[in-house]
Amino acid sequence: MELKEKRNETLKSPTGPIQPHAENTNHAPGLEEIRLRADEIHIERGGFPGNELDDWLQAERELQHATPPKKEQFRVASETA
């Protein structure tokens, strides 16, 4: 019985529960990011009304499949000074 109880315990690290790391997850864009891209698409196609939903969905698709920037591309200000 003791073994069964230990098997059901949550594994924890010093910083909290251990979470599986998914390397190939798609970027989940925020609403503001989608809105800005949809506005760009709207302007690119001439700014004519009537395709708001199509613009929004296209922006979502583009942003979800875009590769997020890697951590190595960013530098802390104190490192460059």
N, C-alpha and C. Protein backbone atom coordinates (compact mmCIF):
# COMPACT_ATOMS: atom_id res chain seq x y z
N MET A 1 0.83 -1.20 0.00
CA MET A 1 0.00 0.00 0.00
C MET A 1 0.87 1.26 0.00
N GLU A 2 1.98 1.23 0.67
CA GLU A 2 2.87 2.38 0.75
C GLU A 2 3.41 2.76 -0.63
N LEU A 3 3.75 1.77 -1.46
CA LEU A 3 4.26 2.00 -2.79
C LEU A 3 3.22 2.69 -3.67
N LYS A 4 1.98 2.28 -3.59
CA LYS A 4 0.91 2.87 -4.38
C LYS A 4 0.72 4.34 -4.02
N GLU A 5 0.80 4.68 -2.75
CA GLU A 5 0.65 6.07 -2.33
C GLU A 5 1.78 6.93 -2.88
N LYS A 6 3.00 6.42 -2.88
CA LYS A 6 4.14 7.18 -3.39
C LYS A 6 4.03 7.39 -4.89
N ARG A 7 3.46 6.42 -5.60
CA ARG A 7 3.32 6.51 -7.04
C ARG A 7 2.38 7.65 -7.43
N ASN A 8 1.42 7.97 -6.60
CA ASN A 8 0.45 9.01 -6.91
C ASN A 8 0.90 10.41 -6.49
N GLU A 9 2.05 10.54 -5.87
CA GLU A 9 2.54 11.85 -5.45
C GLU A 9 3.00 12.64 -6.67
N THR A 10 2.83 13.95 -6.63
CA THR A 10 3.29 14.82 -7.70
C THR A 10 4.76 15.09 -7.52
N LEU A 11 5.51 14.94 -8.62
CA LEU A 11 6.94 15.24 -8.56
C LEU A 11 7.10 16.74 -8.51
N LYS A 12 7.97 17.19 -7.65
CA LYS A 12 8.19 18.63 -7.51
C LYS A 12 9.67 18.92 -7.55
N SER A 13 10.00 20.08 -8.13
CA SER A 13 11.37 20.55 -8.11
C SER A 13 11.42 21.69 -7.10
N PRO A 14 12.61 22.21 -6.79
CA PRO A 14 12.68 23.32 -5.83
C PRO A 14 11.89 24.55 -6.29
N THR A 15 11.65 24.68 -7.59
CA THR A 15 10.92 25.85 -8.09
C THR A 15 9.45 25.57 -8.33
N GLY A 16 8.98 24.36 -8.10
CA GLY A 16 7.58 24.02 -8.30
C GLY A 16 7.42 22.70 -9.02
N PRO A 17 6.20 22.36 -9.42
CA PRO A 17 5.97 21.08 -10.09
C PRO A 17 6.73 20.98 -11.40
N ILE A 18 7.15 19.78 -11.74
CA ILE A 18 7.87 19.55 -12.98
C ILE A 18 6.86 19.49 -14.12
N GLN A 19 7.09 20.28 -15.14
CA GLN A 19 6.22 20.31 -16.31
C GLN A 19 6.98 19.77 -17.51
N PRO A 20 6.32 18.99 -18.36
CA PRO A 20 7.00 18.52 -19.56
C PRO A 20 7.30 19.71 -20.47
N HIS A 21 8.46 19.67 -21.11
CA HIS A 21 8.87 20.77 -21.98
C HIS A 21 8.61 20.39 -23.41
N ALA A 22 7.80 21.16 -24.09
CA ALA A 22 7.49 20.89 -25.48
C ALA A 22 8.31 21.83 -26.35
N GLU A 23 9.23 21.28 -27.12
CA GLU A 23 10.13 22.07 -27.96
C GLU A 23 9.41 22.64 -29.18
N ASN A 24 8.48 21.88 -29.76
CA ASN A 24 7.87 22.26 -31.02
C ASN A 24 6.48 22.85 -30.87
N THR A 25 6.26 23.65 -29.85
CA THR A 25 4.94 24.26 -29.69
C THR A 25 4.84 25.49 -30.58
N ASN A 26 3.67 25.71 -31.14
CA ASN A 26 3.44 26.89 -31.97
C ASN A 26 3.29 28.11 -31.08
N HIS A 27 3.65 29.23 -31.64
CA HIS A 27 3.51 30.51 -30.95
C HIS A 27 2.03 30.84 -30.82
N ALA A 28 1.58 31.16 -29.62
CA ALA A 28 0.18 31.52 -29.39
C ALA A 28 0.07 33.04 -29.34
N PRO A 29 -0.36 33.66 -30.44
CA PRO A 29 -0.43 35.12 -30.47
C PRO A 29 -1.54 35.67 -29.60
N GLY A 30 -1.33 36.86 -29.07
CA GLY A 30 -2.35 37.53 -28.28
C GLY A 30 -3.33 38.28 -29.17
N LEU A 31 -4.44 38.69 -28.59
CA LEU A 31 -5.48 39.39 -29.36
C LEU A 31 -4.96 40.69 -29.97
N GLU A 32 -4.16 41.42 -29.23
CA GLU A 32 -3.63 42.69 -29.73
C GLU A 32 -2.69 42.45 -30.91
N GLU A 33 -1.88 41.42 -30.82
CA GLU A 33 -0.96 41.07 -31.90
C GLU A 33 -1.74 40.68 -33.17
N ILE A 34 -2.81 39.91 -32.99
CA ILE A 34 -3.66 39.51 -34.12
C ILE A 34 -4.34 40.74 -34.72
N ARG A 35 -4.85 41.62 -33.85
CA ARG A 35 -5.54 42.82 -34.33
C ARG A 35 -4.61 43.69 -35.17
N LEU A 36 -3.37 43.87 -34.70
CA LEU A 36 -2.42 44.69 -35.44
C LEU A 36 -2.11 44.09 -36.80
N ARG A 37 -1.91 42.77 -36.85
CA ARG A 37 -1.61 42.12 -38.13
C ARG A 37 -2.83 42.17 -39.05
N ALA A 38 -4.03 41.99 -38.50
CA ALA A 38 -5.25 42.07 -39.32
C ALA A 38 -5.39 43.47 -39.91
N ASP A 39 -5.05 44.51 -39.15
CA ASP A 39 -5.09 45.88 -39.66
C ASP A 39 -4.10 46.04 -40.81
N GLU A 40 -2.91 45.45 -40.68
CA GLU A 40 -1.90 45.52 -41.75
C GLU A 40 -2.43 44.84 -43.02
N ILE A 41 -3.05 43.67 -42.86
CA ILE A 41 -3.61 42.94 -44.00
C ILE A 41 -4.70 43.77 -44.66
N HIS A 42 -5.55 44.39 -43.85
CA HIS A 42 -6.63 45.25 -44.35
C HIS A 42 -6.06 46.39 -45.21
N ILE A 43 -5.01 47.02 -44.75
CA ILE A 43 -4.38 48.13 -45.48
C ILE A 43 -3.70 47.61 -46.75
N GLU A 44 -3.04 46.44 -46.65
CA GLU A 44 -2.35 45.87 -47.81
C GLU A 44 -3.32 45.57 -48.95
N ARG A 45 -4.55 45.20 -48.65
CA ARG A 45 -5.51 44.88 -49.71
C ARG A 45 -6.35 46.10 -50.10
N GLY A 46 -5.92 47.28 -49.73
CA GLY A 46 -6.55 48.50 -50.20
C GLY A 46 -7.43 49.21 -49.20
N GLY A 47 -7.66 48.63 -48.04
CA GLY A 47 -8.46 49.27 -47.01
C GLY A 47 -9.95 49.24 -47.24
N PHE A 48 -10.40 48.40 -48.17
CA PHE A 48 -11.83 48.30 -48.44
C PHE A 48 -12.52 47.46 -47.37
N PRO A 49 -13.70 47.88 -46.91
CA PRO A 49 -14.43 47.11 -45.88
C PRO A 49 -15.05 45.84 -46.46
N GLY A 50 -15.42 44.93 -45.54
CA GLY A 50 -16.16 43.75 -45.93
C GLY A 50 -15.41 42.44 -45.75
N ASN A 51 -14.13 42.49 -45.43
CA ASN A 51 -13.37 41.26 -45.27
C ASN A 51 -12.71 41.18 -43.89
N GLU A 52 -13.35 41.75 -42.89
CA GLU A 52 -12.75 41.80 -41.57
C GLU A 52 -12.47 40.41 -41.01
N LEU A 53 -13.42 39.50 -41.14
CA LEU A 53 -13.23 38.15 -40.61
C LEU A 53 -12.10 37.44 -41.34
N ASP A 54 -12.06 37.57 -42.66
CA ASP A 54 -10.98 36.94 -43.43
C ASP A 54 -9.62 37.50 -43.01
N ASP A 55 -9.55 38.83 -42.81
CA ASP A 55 -8.30 39.45 -42.38
C ASP A 55 -7.87 38.91 -41.02
N TRP A 56 -8.83 38.80 -40.10
CA TRP A 56 -8.54 38.31 -38.75
C TRP A 56 -8.03 36.86 -38.80
N LEU A 57 -8.72 36.02 -39.56
CA LEU A 57 -8.34 34.60 -39.63
C LEU A 57 -6.98 34.43 -40.31
N GLN A 58 -6.72 35.23 -41.33
CA GLN A 58 -5.41 35.17 -41.99
C GLN A 58 -4.31 35.60 -41.02
N ALA A 59 -4.56 36.65 -40.26
CA ALA A 59 -3.58 37.13 -39.28
C ALA A 59 -3.32 36.06 -38.23
N GLU A 60 -4.37 35.41 -37.75
CA GLU A 60 -4.21 34.32 -36.78
C GLU A 60 -3.34 33.21 -37.33
N ARG A 61 -3.65 32.77 -38.54
CA ARG A 61 -2.88 31.68 -39.17
C ARG A 61 -1.41 32.06 -39.30
N GLU A 62 -1.16 33.26 -39.82
CA GLU A 62 0.22 33.71 -40.02
C GLU A 62 0.99 33.73 -38.70
N LEU A 63 0.38 34.29 -37.67
CA LEU A 63 1.06 34.44 -36.39
C LEU A 63 1.24 33.12 -35.66
N GLN A 64 0.30 32.20 -35.82
CA GLN A 64 0.43 30.91 -35.16
C GLN A 64 1.55 30.09 -35.76
N HIS A 65 1.80 30.25 -37.05
CA HIS A 65 2.83 29.47 -37.72
C HIS A 65 4.16 30.20 -37.80
N ALA A 66 4.21 31.43 -37.34
CA ALA A 66 5.46 32.18 -37.32
C ALA A 66 6.36 31.63 -36.23
N THR A 67 7.64 31.60 -36.50
CA THR A 67 8.60 31.11 -35.51
C THR A 67 8.90 32.23 -34.52
N PRO A 68 8.69 31.97 -33.22
CA PRO A 68 9.01 33.01 -32.24
C PRO A 68 10.52 33.22 -32.18
N PRO A 69 10.97 34.43 -31.85
CA PRO A 69 12.40 34.69 -31.77
C PRO A 69 13.06 33.84 -30.70
N LYS A 70 14.30 33.44 -30.95
CA LYS A 70 15.04 32.63 -29.98
C LYS A 70 15.61 33.52 -28.89
N LYS A 71 15.81 32.93 -27.71
CA LYS A 71 16.33 33.68 -26.57
C LYS A 71 17.70 34.27 -26.88
N GLU A 72 18.50 33.57 -27.68
CA GLU A 72 19.86 34.03 -27.96
C GLU A 72 19.87 35.34 -28.74
N GLN A 73 18.76 35.68 -29.41
CA GLN A 73 18.71 36.91 -30.19
C GLN A 73 18.56 38.14 -29.31
N PHE A 74 18.20 37.96 -28.07
CA PHE A 74 18.01 39.08 -27.15
C PHE A 74 19.19 39.15 -26.20
N ARG A 75 19.61 40.36 -25.88
CA ARG A 75 20.68 40.54 -24.92
C ARG A 75 20.21 41.46 -23.81
N VAL A 76 20.66 41.17 -22.64
CA VAL A 76 20.34 42.02 -21.49
C VAL A 76 21.17 43.28 -21.61
N ALA A 77 20.58 44.42 -21.30
CA ALA A 77 21.26 45.70 -21.45
C ALA A 77 22.60 45.74 -20.72
N SER A 78 22.69 45.09 -19.58
CA SER A 78 23.94 45.10 -18.81
C SER A 78 25.03 44.30 -19.50
N GLU A 79 24.68 43.35 -20.36
CA GLU A 79 25.68 42.56 -21.08
C GLU A 79 26.32 43.36 -22.20
N THR A 80 25.58 44.29 -22.81
CA THR A 80 26.10 45.05 -23.93
C THR A 80 26.86 46.29 -23.48
N ALA A 81 26.66 46.72 -22.26
CA ALA A 81 27.31 47.94 -21.77
C ALA A 81 28.72 47.67 -21.31
